[in-house]
Amino acid sequence: MPDRRLLLREHGVLLFRSQHGLAEPDVLDAASVFGEPVPSAGMELPLAYYVVKDRSPELRPEDAWHSDNSFMSLPGGPTVLYAVKVPVSADGQPFGDTLFADAAAAADGLPAPLRRRAEGRRAAHNAAHNCGVALSEYASGQKELPPDAEHPVLRRNPLSDREALFVSPAYTRRVVGLPPEASASLLRDLLGHATRPEFVHRHRWCEGDLLVWDNGRVLHKATTLEMPPGAERVMWRVQSRGPGIVETPEARMPRGRRGSDGSK
């Protein structure tokens, strides 16, 4: 069987269905195949719990297109998300899909005029940007405003050396060296291109899904704001230190163990 790391570099997103009954160490082991697990910002442990139910309508970065930890000097490596509980509608359709945009394919397909505007440019990323609407914890002074991290707009993915668009509305504050209007125009045009239907995949969750994606290759966004009242979704997430594991030794994903409810 091909090395999972090679498959991730080729496809950008990998799905392992029916991994029922995984425990926390199993999910951490799975993430370790692709990178060194690290705590998310503001958290102490690498495995984070995300319970969504009747959430606030306040816009959060995860509600917009983004690449995990692009606001750091060393952007995030691959992310693993494990579906513990997935709400469904009366007709069996899941709520809380996750969308992915192939930023590498989008870079390959850049129209020449747009490529000329983007080439050689760098963009400033900031955790507090949030599509230009300051997060409450920063606006209130609860957290100190972090410094910008600058990355190439057309960035070489360290895992594959493939070029990808590396901007997002969640974290990209401006294009360095451009006046505000020109910066906003370029970012708007790049995002509009990157999220064209041919570059976007919608993942409809099933309980037991284990999904891994390369943050240097794809953008993603949540749709939990669309969930109806009372619906509850539970996910476990593990982020990894960038860029991830470059070497490709043989590695195995954990096999699901049936009979457990997967709770902590």
Foldseek 3Di string as FASTA:
>chain_A
DFFVLVVQLVPQKDKDFDLPADAPVQLCQQQQSWFAWDPAPPDDDQKDKDKDAPDDLDQALQAWWAFQQPQDLFHWAKKKKAWLDWDADPVGFTPKKKKKFFQLVLVVPDDPVLCVLQPPWKFWWFQQCQLNDGDPCPVVVVDPGDGTHIDRQFHQQPQNRGTGGHDISGTTDFIPPDPPVSGVVSRVVSVVSRVDPVRMDIDGDDHGMMMMGGSSGMIMHIDSSPDDHPTMTMMMMTIHGPHTDNDGDHDDRDHRDPDHSRDD
